[in-house]
Amino acid sequence: MRILAIESSCDETAAAVVEDGRRALSNAVASQIDAHKIYGGVVPEIASRMHVEAVCAVTEEALQTAGVTLQEVDAIAATAAPGLVGALLVGLNFAKGLAYANGKPLIPVHHLRSHVAANYLNSGLEPPFLCLIVSGGHTHIVEVLDYTTFRVVGRTRDDAAGEALDKTARIMGLPYPGGPHLDRLGRDGDPKAFRFPRPKVADSPYDFSFSGLKTAALNQLQKIEDVSEVSADFAASFQFAVADYLCQKFLGAAADLGYTTAALAGGVCANSVLRAEMKTRCEQAGITLFVPELAHCGDNAAMVAAQGFYEYRAGNVAGLGCNAVPSKGIET
């Protein structure tokens, strides 16, 4: 089964064709980073307009690379929630038009479920497993009970992990988007040069809080006369603190819940420190870890098509009245 998917939840316009939920035949992405860089973050109105400009071209590219026509596609999937509502509407309404004009089923897909499904591409991972979803807007520990059944066991109470990394990078004067620049800078630094707290959430052993980490970074940076002299060490130390905190919580949940199979998902799982720390600690704990290929960590449409395949098998299709939802939990 071949599914054409459209992704436009934030600032990446993407289209892909995936076969049987596992084999990516194409994965086209049009990035908006240069447009938003001057503002230091994503401007929703600009993002929506750029999606309108790019969606036809990336869809054509995805079909051509896959070597298929719209008639040879079995269904159309699109991200319907959560995300920037204007951006979501562009991709979803475009997908509705394709589905209606070509007589294809329409599959609305949850963005976080898609990030989990990035692990299915080119791998043999099957539920059940425990997944850590880490991105600029979300930090969740999720039980993936089957392909369309999820249970959240832990989440951030304030900032997401990616947000903490990006904002710390911005305070240090690094360009947008900050996370990747922080990662590259920290590769030459000492991860033990600076100390950061590991916040505790009183009423939940698996929930996170990153606001204290971010504040601790700001307080330490304000005491440094020339940040450039210690920037590599600071970047390495802060990233290690975030990765260590994520690993502690996630592996604690895996041990308590009895999981021996785990996965990472979301844009932050491209971070080299997190990938290395989680791999090492999972090996020590006897846990089999799955991590998406770097091309499938950030927002892309191949992951949407992968999850779309399993949503279709479960009967989760929609009519033309389907609407975009800016805020929606992964469990619903």
C-alpha atoms as a PDB file:
ATOM      1  CA  MET A   1       0.000   0.000   0.000  1.00  0.00           C
ATOM      2  CA  ARG A   2       1.392   3.369  -1.037  1.00  0.00           C
ATOM      3  CA  ILE A   3       0.475   6.461   0.943  1.00  0.00           C
ATOM      4  CA  LEU A   4       1.193  10.036  -0.099  1.00  0.00           C
ATOM      5  CA  ALA A   5       1.529  12.244   2.982  1.00  0.00           C
ATOM      6  CA  ILE A   6       1.641  15.992   3.543  1.00  0.00           C
ATOM      7  CA  GLU A   7       3.253  17.637   6.608  1.00  0.00           C
ATOM      8  CA  SER A   8       2.852  21.358   7.419  1.00  0.00           C
ATOM      9  CA  SER A   9       2.421  21.587  11.185  1.00  0.00           C
ATOM     10  CA  CYS A  10       5.096  24.257  11.745  1.00  0.00           C
ATOM     11  CA  ASP A  11       7.822  25.572   9.437  1.00  0.00           C
ATOM     12  CA  GLU A  12       8.635  22.619   7.191  1.00  0.00           C
ATOM     13  CA  THR A  13       6.558  21.933   4.067  1.00  0.00           C
ATOM     14  CA  ALA A  14       6.994  18.249   3.319  1.00  0.00           C
ATOM     15  CA  ALA A  15       5.584  15.463   1.167  1.00  0.00           C
ATOM     16  CA  ALA A  16       6.513  11.788   0.923  1.00  0.00           C
ATOM     17  CA  VAL A  17       5.422   8.457  -0.455  1.00  0.00           C
ATOM     18  CA  VAL A  18       5.803   5.435   1.820  1.00  0.00           C
ATOM     19  CA  GLU A  19       5.049   1.799   1.022  1.00  0.00           C
ATOM     20  CA  ASP A  20       3.349  -0.414   3.637  1.00  0.00           C
ATOM     21  CA  GLY A  21       4.290   1.961   6.441  1.00  0.00           C
ATOM     22  CA  ARG A  22       7.945   0.909   6.335  1.00  0.00           C
ATOM     23  CA  ARG A  23       9.686   1.783   3.079  1.00  0.00           C
ATOM     24  CA  ALA A  24      10.131   5.451   2.164  1.00  0.00           C
ATOM     25  CA  LEU A  25      10.040   5.847  -1.610  1.00  0.00           C
ATOM     26  CA  SER A  26      10.533   9.617  -1.319  1.00  0.00           C
ATOM     27  CA  ASN A  27      10.789  12.326   1.339  1.00  0.00           C
ATOM     28  CA  ALA A  28      10.785  15.920   0.066  1.00  0.00           C
ATOM     29  CA  VAL A  29      11.166  18.835   2.494  1.00  0.00           C
ATOM     30  CA  ALA A  30      11.117  22.601   1.897  1.00  0.00           C
ATOM     31  CA  SER A  31      12.665  24.385   4.870  1.00  0.00           C
ATOM     32  CA  GLN A  32      11.709  27.891   6.022  1.00  0.00           C
ATOM     33  CA  ILE A  33      14.717  28.437   8.313  1.00  0.00           C
ATOM     34  CA  ASP A  34      16.175  31.329   6.309  1.00  0.00           C
ATOM     35  CA  ALA A  35      12.856  33.197   6.333  1.00  0.00           C
ATOM     36  CA  HIS A  36      12.379  32.940  10.094  1.00  0.00           C
ATOM     37  CA  LYS A  37      16.031  33.399  11.069  1.00  0.00           C
ATOM     38  CA  ILE A  38      15.832  37.198  11.129  1.00  0.00           C
ATOM     39  CA  TYR A  39      13.023  37.001  13.704  1.00  0.00           C
ATOM     40  CA  GLY A  40      14.758  34.463  15.943  1.00  0.00           C
ATOM     41  CA  GLY A  41      11.815  32.048  15.752  1.00  0.00           C
ATOM     42  CA  VAL A  42       8.847  30.894  13.692  1.00  0.00           C
ATOM     43  CA  VAL A  43       6.352  33.584  12.672  1.00  0.00           C
ATOM     44  CA  PRO A  44       3.014  31.749  12.179  1.00  0.00           C
ATOM     45  CA  GLU A  45       1.634  34.019   9.440  1.00  0.00           C
ATOM     46  CA  ILE A  46       4.825  33.802   7.401  1.00  0.00           C
ATOM     47  CA  ALA A  47       4.927  30.029   7.901  1.00  0.00           C
ATOM     48  CA  SER A  48       1.372  29.627   6.589  1.00  0.00           C
ATOM     49  CA  ARG A  49       2.015  31.724   3.485  1.00  0.00           C
ATOM     50  CA  MET A  50       5.222  29.850   2.701  1.00  0.00           C
ATOM     51  CA  HIS A  51       3.398  26.524   3.009  1.00  0.00           C
ATOM     52  CA  VAL A  52       0.923  27.751   0.370  1.00  0.00           C
ATOM     53  CA  GLU A  53       3.817  28.641  -1.928  1.00  0.00           C
ATOM     54  CA  ALA A  54       5.674  25.347  -1.484  1.00  0.00           C
ATOM     55  CA  VAL A  55       3.115  22.570  -1.049  1.00  0.00           C
ATOM     56  CA  CYS A  56       2.466  21.896  -4.754  1.00  0.00           C
ATOM     57  CA  ALA A  57       6.164  21.726  -5.625  1.00  0.00           C
ATOM     58  CA  VAL A  58       7.152  19.410  -2.772  1.00  0.00           C
ATOM     59  CA  THR A  59       4.236  17.097  -3.579  1.00  0.00           C
ATOM     60  CA  GLU A  60       5.281  16.901  -7.216  1.00  0.00           C
ATOM     61  CA  GLU A  61       8.859  16.221  -6.128  1.00  0.00           C
ATOM     62  CA  ALA A  62       7.745  13.440  -3.790  1.00  0.00           C
ATOM     63  CA  LEU A  63       5.686  11.737  -6.503  1.00  0.00           C
ATOM     64  CA  GLN A  64       8.424  12.049  -9.126  1.00  0.00           C
ATOM     65  CA  THR A  65      11.143  10.729  -6.807  1.00  0.00           C
ATOM     66  CA  ALA A  66       8.927   7.797  -5.841  1.00  0.00           C
ATOM     67  CA  GLY A  67       8.187   7.100  -9.499  1.00  0.00           C
ATOM     68  CA  VAL A  68       4.409   7.017  -9.001  1.00  0.00           C
ATOM     69  CA  THR A  69       1.413   9.058 -10.105  1.00  0.00           C
ATOM     70  CA  LEU A  70      -1.475  10.246  -7.965  1.00  0.00           C
ATOM     71  CA  GLN A  71      -3.585   7.500  -9.515  1.00  0.00           C
ATOM     72  CA  GLU A  72      -1.112   4.882  -8.274  1.00  0.00           C
ATOM     73  CA  VAL A  73      -1.273   6.159  -4.689  1.00  0.00           C
ATOM     74  CA  ASP A  74      -3.734   4.271  -2.461  1.00  0.00           C
ATOM     75  CA  ALA A  75      -4.495   6.990   0.107  1.00  0.00           C
ATOM     76  CA  ILE A  76      -3.656  10.562   1.118  1.00  0.00           C
ATOM     77  CA  ALA A  77      -2.491  11.329   4.663  1.00  0.00           C
ATOM     78  CA  ALA A  78      -1.899  14.719   6.290  1.00  0.00           C
ATOM     79  CA  THR A  79      -0.948  16.083   9.676  1.00  0.00           C
ATOM     80  CA  ALA A  80      -4.168  17.333  11.295  1.00  0.00           C
ATOM     81  CA  ALA A  81      -3.000  18.024  14.871  1.00  0.00           C
ATOM     82  CA  PRO A  82      -1.293  19.498  16.840  1.00  0.00           C
ATOM     83  CA  GLY A  83       0.577  22.509  15.479  1.00  0.00           C
ATOM     84  CA  LEU A  84       0.148  26.065  14.214  1.00  0.00           C
ATOM     85  CA  VAL A  85      -3.453  26.130  13.069  1.00  0.00           C
ATOM     86  CA  GLY A  86      -2.860  28.196   9.930  1.00  0.00           C
ATOM     87  CA  ALA A  87       0.034  26.011   8.889  1.00  0.00           C
ATOM     88  CA  LEU A  88      -1.925  22.815   9.571  1.00  0.00           C
ATOM     89  CA  LEU A  89      -4.853  24.056   7.485  1.00  0.00           C
ATOM     90  CA  VAL A  90      -2.675  24.530   4.414  1.00  0.00           C
ATOM     91  CA  GLY A  91      -1.463  20.937   4.315  1.00  0.00           C
ATOM     92  CA  LEU A  92      -4.726  19.372   5.442  1.00  0.00           C
ATOM     93  CA  ASN A  93      -6.882  21.279   2.952  1.00  0.00           C
ATOM     94  CA  PHE A  94      -4.435  20.533   0.164  1.00  0.00           C
ATOM     95  CA  ALA A  95      -4.649  16.836   1.072  1.00  0.00           C
ATOM     96  CA  LYS A  96      -8.459  17.061   1.101  1.00  0.00           C
ATOM     97  CA  GLY A  97      -8.394  18.437  -2.432  1.00  0.00           C
ATOM     98  CA  LEU A  98      -6.104  15.659  -3.653  1.00  0.00           C
ATOM     99  CA  ALA A  99      -8.213  12.984  -1.967  1.00  0.00           C
ATOM    100  CA  TYR A 100     -11.498  14.329  -3.335  1.00  0.00           C
ATOM    101  CA  ALA A 101     -10.231  14.932  -6.872  1.00  0.00           C
ATOM    102  CA  ASN A 102      -8.626  11.489  -7.139  1.00  0.00           C
ATOM    103  CA  GLY A 103     -11.168   9.415  -5.203  1.00  0.00           C
ATOM    104  CA  LYS A 104      -8.676   8.448  -2.483  1.00  0.00           C
ATOM    105  CA  PRO A 105      -9.240   7.925   1.269  1.00  0.00           C
ATOM    106  CA  LEU A 106      -8.156  10.805   3.512  1.00  0.00           C
ATOM    107  CA  ILE A 107      -6.170   9.904   6.650  1.00  0.00           C
ATOM    108  CA  PRO A 108      -5.750  12.574   9.359  1.00  0.00           C
ATOM    109  CA  VAL A 109      -2.591  11.933  11.383  1.00  0.00           C
ATOM    110  CA  HIS A 110      -1.438  13.166  14.797  1.00  0.00           C
ATOM    111  CA  HIS A 111       1.962  14.877  14.649  1.00  0.00           C
ATOM    112  CA  LEU A 112       3.420  13.174  17.742  1.00  0.00           C
ATOM    113  CA  ARG A 113       2.220   9.760  16.605  1.00  0.00           C
ATOM    114  CA  SER A 114       4.097  10.465  13.372  1.00  0.00           C
ATOM    115  CA  HIS A 115       7.312  11.149  15.246  1.00  0.00           C
ATOM    116  CA  VAL A 116       6.955   7.770  16.965  1.00  0.00           C
ATOM    117  CA  ALA A 117       6.326   6.143  13.567  1.00  0.00           C
ATOM    118  CA  ALA A 118       9.610   7.528  12.220  1.00  0.00           C
ATOM    119  CA  ASN A 119      11.122   4.533  14.020  1.00  0.00           C
ATOM    120  CA  TYR A 120       9.184   2.111  11.785  1.00  0.00           C
ATOM    121  CA  LEU A 121      10.920   3.334   8.643  1.00  0.00           C
ATOM    122  CA  ASN A 122      13.619   0.878   7.591  1.00  0.00           C
ATOM    123  CA  SER A 123      13.408  -1.053  10.874  1.00  0.00           C
ATOM    124  CA  GLY A 124      11.641  -4.028  12.391  1.00  0.00           C
ATOM    125  CA  LEU A 125      10.331  -2.205  15.480  1.00  0.00           C
ATOM    126  CA  GLU A 126       6.858  -3.304  16.546  1.00  0.00           C
ATOM    127  CA  PRO A 127       4.724  -2.354  19.577  1.00  0.00           C
ATOM    128  CA  PRO A 128       4.644  -2.599  22.497  1.00  0.00           C
ATOM    129  CA  PHE A 129       7.560  -0.377  23.479  1.00  0.00           C
ATOM    130  CA  LEU A 130       8.331   2.730  25.509  1.00  0.00           C
ATOM    131  CA  CYS A 131       9.092   5.931  23.597  1.00  0.00           C
ATOM    132  CA  LEU A 132      10.666   9.244  24.612  1.00  0.00           C
ATOM    133  CA  ILE A 133       9.336  12.055  22.404  1.00  0.00           C
ATOM    134  CA  VAL A 134      11.548  15.141  22.578  1.00  0.00           C
ATOM    135  CA  SER A 135      11.030  18.223  20.407  1.00  0.00           C
ATOM    136  CA  GLY A 136      10.835  21.989  20.565  1.00  0.00           C
ATOM    137  CA  GLY A 137       7.258  21.869  21.797  1.00  0.00           C
ATOM    138  CA  HIS A 138       6.873  18.487  23.500  1.00  0.00           C
ATOM    139  CA  THR A 139       8.629  16.179  25.936  1.00  0.00           C
ATOM    140  CA  HIS A 140       6.669  12.978  26.611  1.00  0.00           C
ATOM    141  CA  ILE A 141       7.313   9.464  27.866  1.00  0.00           C
ATOM    142  CA  VAL A 142       4.749   7.323  26.069  1.00  0.00           C
ATOM    143  CA  GLU A 143       3.767   3.675  26.171  1.00  0.00           C
ATOM    144  CA  VAL A 144       3.130   2.577  22.573  1.00  0.00           C
ATOM    145  CA  LEU A 145       0.713  -0.272  23.286  1.00  0.00           C
ATOM    146  CA  ASP A 146      -0.064  -0.872  19.627  1.00  0.00           C
ATOM    147  CA  TYR A 147       0.223   1.183  16.446  1.00  0.00           C
ATOM    148  CA  THR A 148      -2.735   3.425  17.312  1.00  0.00           C
ATOM    149  CA  THR A 149      -2.986   3.086  21.108  1.00  0.00           C
ATOM    150  CA  PHE A 150      -0.781   5.295  23.285  1.00  0.00           C
ATOM    151  CA  ARG A 151      -0.574   6.044  27.000  1.00  0.00           C
ATOM    152  CA  VAL A 152       1.340   9.047  28.325  1.00  0.00           C
ATOM    153  CA  VAL A 153       3.181   8.198  31.556  1.00  0.00           C
ATOM    154  CA  GLY A 154       5.309  11.347  31.809  1.00  0.00           C
ATOM    155  CA  ARG A 155       5.475  14.829  30.313  1.00  0.00           C
ATOM    156  CA  THR A 156       7.046  18.224  30.866  1.00  0.00           C
ATOM    157  CA  ARG A 157       5.258  20.562  33.260  1.00  0.00           C
ATOM    158  CA  ASP A 158       6.620  23.704  31.601  1.00  0.00           C
ATOM    159  CA  ASP A 159       9.235  24.083  28.843  1.00  0.00           C
ATOM    160  CA  ALA A 160      10.030  21.280  26.432  1.00  0.00           C
ATOM    161  CA  ALA A 161      13.579  19.950  26.167  1.00  0.00           C
ATOM    162  CA  GLY A 162      14.058  21.434  22.708  1.00  0.00           C
ATOM    163  CA  GLU A 163      12.792  24.806  23.886  1.00  0.00           C
ATOM    164  CA  ALA A 164      15.331  24.811  26.734  1.00  0.00           C
ATOM    165  CA  LEU A 165      18.155  24.004  24.310  1.00  0.00           C
ATOM    166  CA  ASP A 166      17.064  26.623  21.767  1.00  0.00           C
ATOM    167  CA  LYS A 167      16.595  29.393  24.333  1.00  0.00           C
ATOM    168  CA  THR A 168      19.922  28.697  26.004  1.00  0.00           C
ATOM    169  CA  ALA A 169      21.600  28.824  22.609  1.00  0.00           C
ATOM    170  CA  ARG A 170      19.890  32.142  21.939  1.00  0.00           C
ATOM    171  CA  ILE A 171      21.097  33.567  25.272  1.00  0.00           C
ATOM    172  CA  MET A 172      24.613  32.525  24.245  1.00  0.00           C
ATOM    173  CA  GLY A 173      24.226  34.483  21.006  1.00  0.00           C
ATOM    174  CA  LEU A 174      24.045  31.476  18.690  1.00  0.00           C
ATOM    175  CA  PRO A 175      22.041  31.731  15.437  1.00  0.00           C
ATOM    176  CA  TYR A 176      18.521  30.349  14.925  1.00  0.00           C
ATOM    177  CA  PRO A 177      17.696  27.492  15.188  1.00  0.00           C
ATOM    178  CA  GLY A 178      19.815  27.233  18.317  1.00  0.00           C
ATOM    179  CA  GLY A 179      19.727  23.521  19.102  1.00  0.00           C
ATOM    180  CA  PRO A 180      21.849  22.284  16.175  1.00  0.00           C
ATOM    181  CA  HIS A 181      24.370  25.119  16.676  1.00  0.00           C
ATOM    182  CA  LEU A 182      24.634  24.258  20.377  1.00  0.00           C
ATOM    183  CA  ASP A 183      25.245  20.620  19.441  1.00  0.00           C
ATOM    184  CA  ARG A 184      28.084  21.469  17.041  1.00  0.00           C
ATOM    185  CA  LEU A 185      29.677  23.941  19.458  1.00  0.00           C
ATOM    186  CA  GLY A 186      29.611  21.508  22.366  1.00  0.00           C
ATOM    187  CA  ARG A 187      31.498  18.747  20.548  1.00  0.00           C
ATOM    188  CA  ASP A 188      34.798  20.391  21.483  1.00  0.00           C
ATOM    189  CA  GLY A 189      33.785  21.176  25.063  1.00  0.00           C
ATOM    190  CA  ASP A 190      34.007  19.596  28.514  1.00  0.00           C
ATOM    191  CA  PRO A 191      30.581  18.292  29.652  1.00  0.00           C
ATOM    192  CA  LYS A 192      31.668  18.549  33.299  1.00  0.00           C
ATOM    193  CA  ALA A 193      32.905  22.130  33.224  1.00  0.00           C
ATOM    194  CA  PHE A 194      29.598  23.570  34.465  1.00  0.00           C
ATOM    195  CA  ARG A 195      27.015  22.066  36.825  1.00  0.00           C
ATOM    196  CA  PHE A 196      23.260  22.249  36.370  1.00  0.00           C
ATOM    197  CA  PRO A 197      20.372  20.987  38.528  1.00  0.00           C
ATOM    198  CA  ARG A 198      18.178  17.985  37.765  1.00  0.00           C
ATOM    199  CA  PRO A 199      14.714  19.334  38.683  1.00  0.00           C
ATOM    200  CA  LYS A 200      12.285  17.082  40.542  1.00  0.00           C
ATOM    201  CA  VAL A 201       8.507  17.058  40.151  1.00  0.00           C
ATOM    202  CA  ALA A 202       7.013  16.221  43.538  1.00  0.00           C
ATOM    203  CA  ASP A 203       3.914  14.277  42.539  1.00  0.00           C
ATOM    204  CA  SER A 204       5.215  12.335  39.514  1.00  0.00           C
ATOM    205  CA  PRO A 205       8.430  10.319  39.091  1.00  0.00           C
ATOM    206  CA  TYR A 206       8.288  10.520  35.283  1.00  0.00           C
ATOM    207  CA  ASP A 207       7.345  14.186  34.664  1.00  0.00           C
ATOM    208  CA  PHE A 208       9.920  16.786  33.621  1.00  0.00           C
ATOM    209  CA  SER A 209      10.558  20.458  34.363  1.00  0.00           C
ATOM    210  CA  PHE A 210      13.039  22.361  32.202  1.00  0.00           C
ATOM    211  CA  SER A 211      12.356  25.944  33.294  1.00  0.00           C
ATOM    212  CA  GLY A 212      14.813  25.625  36.210  1.00  0.00           C
ATOM    213  CA  LEU A 213      17.550  24.328  33.926  1.00  0.00           C
ATOM    214  CA  LYS A 214      17.029  27.235  31.565  1.00  0.00           C
ATOM    215  CA  THR A 215      17.094  29.743  34.458  1.00  0.00           C
ATOM    216  CA  ALA A 216      20.265  28.148  35.851  1.00  0.00           C
ATOM    217  CA  ALA A 217      21.927  28.591  32.460  1.00  0.00           C
ATOM    218  CA  LEU A 218      20.917  32.261  32.326  1.00  0.00           C
ATOM    219  CA  ASN A 219      22.172  32.913  35.857  1.00  0.00           C
ATOM    220  CA  GLN A 220      25.556  31.336  35.131  1.00  0.00           C
ATOM    221  CA  LEU A 221      25.977  33.122  31.813  1.00  0.00           C
ATOM    222  CA  GLN A 222      25.316  36.500  33.445  1.00  0.00           C
ATOM    223  CA  LYS A 223      28.354  35.942  35.700  1.00  0.00           C
ATOM    224  CA  ILE A 224      30.723  35.258  32.789  1.00  0.00           C
ATOM    225  CA  GLU A 225      32.530  38.297  31.378  1.00  0.00           C
ATOM    226  CA  ASP A 226      33.425  36.751  28.013  1.00  0.00           C
ATOM    227  CA  VAL A 227      31.090  33.878  27.061  1.00  0.00           C
ATOM    228  CA  SER A 228      33.095  33.126  23.924  1.00  0.00           C
ATOM    229  CA  GLU A 229      36.011  31.887  26.048  1.00  0.00           C
ATOM    230  CA  VAL A 230      33.905  29.138  27.644  1.00  0.00           C
ATOM    231  CA  SER A 231      31.171  28.676  25.031  1.00  0.00           C
ATOM    232  CA  ALA A 232      32.187  25.155  23.994  1.00  0.00           C
ATOM    233  CA  ASP A 233      32.377  23.953  27.608  1.00  0.00           C
ATOM    234  CA  PHE A 234      29.080  25.630  28.478  1.00  0.00           C
ATOM    235  CA  ALA A 235      27.323  24.114  25.449  1.00  0.00           C
ATOM    236  CA  ALA A 236      28.691  20.654  26.250  1.00  0.00           C
ATOM    237  CA  SER A 237      27.742  20.914  29.939  1.00  0.00           C
ATOM    238  CA  PHE A 238      24.220  22.147  29.324  1.00  0.00           C
ATOM    239  CA  GLN A 239      23.499  19.498  26.702  1.00  0.00           C
ATOM    240  CA  PHE A 240      24.828  16.786  28.983  1.00  0.00           C
ATOM    241  CA  ALA A 241      22.565  18.026  31.785  1.00  0.00           C
ATOM    242  CA  VAL A 242      19.511  17.852  29.509  1.00  0.00           C
ATOM    243  CA  ALA A 243      20.471  14.417  28.148  1.00  0.00           C
ATOM    244  CA  ASP A 244      21.245  13.052  31.610  1.00  0.00           C
ATOM    245  CA  TYR A 245      17.909  14.316  32.943  1.00  0.00           C
ATOM    246  CA  LEU A 246      15.999  12.765  30.030  1.00  0.00           C
ATOM    247  CA  CYS A 247      17.846   9.453  30.396  1.00  0.00           C
ATOM    248  CA  GLN A 248      17.270   9.261  34.148  1.00  0.00           C
ATOM    249  CA  LYS A 249      13.518   9.735  33.851  1.00  0.00           C
ATOM    250  CA  PHE A 250      13.072   7.578  30.758  1.00  0.00           C
ATOM    251  CA  LEU A 251      15.132   4.620  31.945  1.00  0.00           C
ATOM    252  CA  GLY A 252      13.482   4.833  35.356  1.00  0.00           C
ATOM    253  CA  ALA A 253      10.089   4.519  33.673  1.00  0.00           C
ATOM    254  CA  ALA A 254      11.325   1.633  31.506  1.00  0.00           C
ATOM    255  CA  ALA A 255      12.565  -0.264  34.570  1.00  0.00           C
ATOM    256  CA  ASP A 256       9.402   0.355  36.594  1.00  0.00           C
ATOM    257  CA  LEU A 257       7.070  -0.573  33.735  1.00  0.00           C
ATOM    258  CA  GLY A 258       9.112  -3.586  32.603  1.00  0.00           C
ATOM    259  CA  TYR A 259      10.060  -2.475  29.068  1.00  0.00           C
ATOM    260  CA  THR A 260      13.100  -3.969  27.347  1.00  0.00           C
ATOM    261  CA  THR A 261      12.412  -2.249  24.014  1.00  0.00           C
ATOM    262  CA  ALA A 262      12.597   1.546  23.747  1.00  0.00           C
ATOM    263  CA  ALA A 263      12.668   4.274  21.123  1.00  0.00           C
ATOM    264  CA  LEU A 264      13.510   7.955  20.723  1.00  0.00           C
ATOM    265  CA  ALA A 265      11.417  10.322  18.620  1.00  0.00           C
ATOM    266  CA  GLY A 266      11.214  14.017  17.754  1.00  0.00           C
ATOM    267  CA  GLY A 267      13.595  16.669  16.502  1.00  0.00           C
ATOM    268  CA  VAL A 268      15.771  16.700  19.631  1.00  0.00           C
ATOM    269  CA  CYS A 269      16.634  13.018  19.186  1.00  0.00           C
ATOM    270  CA  ALA A 270      18.975  14.237  16.432  1.00  0.00           C
ATOM    271  CA  ASN A 271      21.130  15.727  19.206  1.00  0.00           C
ATOM    272  CA  SER A 272      24.418  13.818  19.284  1.00  0.00           C
ATOM    273  CA  VAL A 273      24.776  13.951  23.091  1.00  0.00           C
ATOM    274  CA  LEU A 274      21.304  12.544  23.717  1.00  0.00           C
ATOM    275  CA  ARG A 275      21.747   9.796  21.118  1.00  0.00           C
ATOM    276  CA  ALA A 276      25.099   8.729  22.564  1.00  0.00           C
ATOM    277  CA  GLU A 277      24.010   8.854  26.221  1.00  0.00           C
ATOM    278  CA  MET A 278      20.764   6.995  25.616  1.00  0.00           C
ATOM    279  CA  LYS A 279      22.509   4.309  23.551  1.00  0.00           C
ATOM    280  CA  THR A 280      25.156   3.722  26.227  1.00  0.00           C
ATOM    281  CA  ARG A 281      22.699   3.603  29.118  1.00  0.00           C
ATOM    282  CA  CYS A 282      20.222   1.367  27.305  1.00  0.00           C
ATOM    283  CA  GLU A 283      23.008  -1.089  26.521  1.00  0.00           C
ATOM    284  CA  GLN A 284      23.990  -1.110  30.198  1.00  0.00           C
ATOM    285  CA  ALA A 285      20.378  -1.708  31.201  1.00  0.00           C
ATOM    286  CA  GLY A 286      19.806  -4.482  28.649  1.00  0.00           C
ATOM    287  CA  ILE A 287      17.287  -2.420  26.682  1.00  0.00           C
ATOM    288  CA  THR A 288      17.070  -2.565  22.880  1.00  0.00           C
ATOM    289  CA  LEU A 289      16.972   1.024  21.619  1.00  0.00           C
ATOM    290  CA  PHE A 290      15.578   2.248  18.294  1.00  0.00           C
ATOM    291  CA  VAL A 291      16.455   5.730  17.026  1.00  0.00           C
ATOM    292  CA  PRO A 292      15.234   7.240  13.723  1.00  0.00           C
ATOM    293  CA  GLU A 293      17.641   8.089  10.943  1.00  0.00           C
ATOM    294  CA  LEU A 294      18.671  11.749  11.136  1.00  0.00           C
ATOM    295  CA  ALA A 295      16.574  12.580   8.066  1.00  0.00           C
ATOM    296  CA  HIS A 296      13.479  11.349   9.911  1.00  0.00           C
ATOM    297  CA  CYS A 297      14.066  13.074  13.267  1.00  0.00           C
ATOM    298  CA  GLY A 298      12.811  16.544  12.367  1.00  0.00           C
ATOM    299  CA  ASP A 299       9.430  17.287  10.836  1.00  0.00           C
ATOM    300  CA  ASN A 300       8.998  15.305   7.618  1.00  0.00           C
ATOM    301  CA  ALA A 301       6.218  13.613   5.685  1.00  0.00           C
ATOM    302  CA  ALA A 302       7.674  10.093   5.568  1.00  0.00           C
ATOM    303  CA  MET A 303       6.844   9.674   9.248  1.00  0.00           C
ATOM    304  CA  VAL A 304       3.299  10.950   8.575  1.00  0.00           C
ATOM    305  CA  ALA A 305       2.839   8.371   5.826  1.00  0.00           C
ATOM    306  CA  ALA A 306       4.238   5.623   8.068  1.00  0.00           C
ATOM    307  CA  GLN A 307       1.724   6.369  10.825  1.00  0.00           C
ATOM    308  CA  GLY A 308      -0.966   6.960   8.224  1.00  0.00           C
ATOM    309  CA  PHE A 309      -0.623   3.362   7.071  1.00  0.00           C
ATOM    310  CA  TYR A 310      -1.439   2.051  10.554  1.00  0.00           C
ATOM    311  CA  GLU A 311      -4.219   4.605  11.097  1.00  0.00           C
ATOM    312  CA  TYR A 312      -5.787   3.429   7.826  1.00  0.00           C
ATOM    313  CA  ARG A 313      -5.563  -0.216   8.907  1.00  0.00           C
ATOM    314  CA  ALA A 314      -7.366   0.762  12.126  1.00  0.00           C
ATOM    315  CA  GLY A 315     -10.147   2.463  10.145  1.00  0.00           C
ATOM    316  CA  ASN A 316      -9.167   6.006  11.107  1.00  0.00           C
ATOM    317  CA  VAL A 317     -10.145   7.821   7.931  1.00  0.00           C
ATOM    318  CA  ALA A 318     -12.000  11.111   7.571  1.00  0.00           C
ATOM    319  CA  GLY A 319     -14.360  13.010   5.288  1.00  0.00           C
ATOM    320  CA  LEU A 320     -13.983  16.494   3.856  1.00  0.00           C
ATOM    321  CA  GLY A 321     -15.342  17.958   7.098  1.00  0.00           C
ATOM    322  CA  CYS A 322     -12.130  17.016   8.924  1.00  0.00           C
ATOM    323  CA  ASN A 323     -10.588  20.075  10.542  1.00  0.00           C
ATOM    324  CA  ALA A 324      -7.181  21.041  11.886  1.00  0.00           C
ATOM    325  CA  VAL A 325      -6.772  20.991  15.681  1.00  0.00           C
ATOM    326  CA  PRO A 326      -3.916  23.112  17.100  1.00  0.00           C
ATOM    327  CA  SER A 327      -3.850  21.296  20.450  1.00  0.00           C
ATOM    328  CA  LYS A 328      -4.633  17.611  20.825  1.00  0.00           C
ATOM    329  CA  GLY A 329      -3.186  14.821  22.961  1.00  0.00           C
ATOM    330  CA  ILE A 330      -1.451  11.804  21.462  1.00  0.00           C
ATOM    331  CA  GLU A 331      -3.862   9.444  23.217  1.00  0.00           C
ATOM    332  CA  THR A 332      -6.963  10.734  21.375  1.00  0.00           C
END
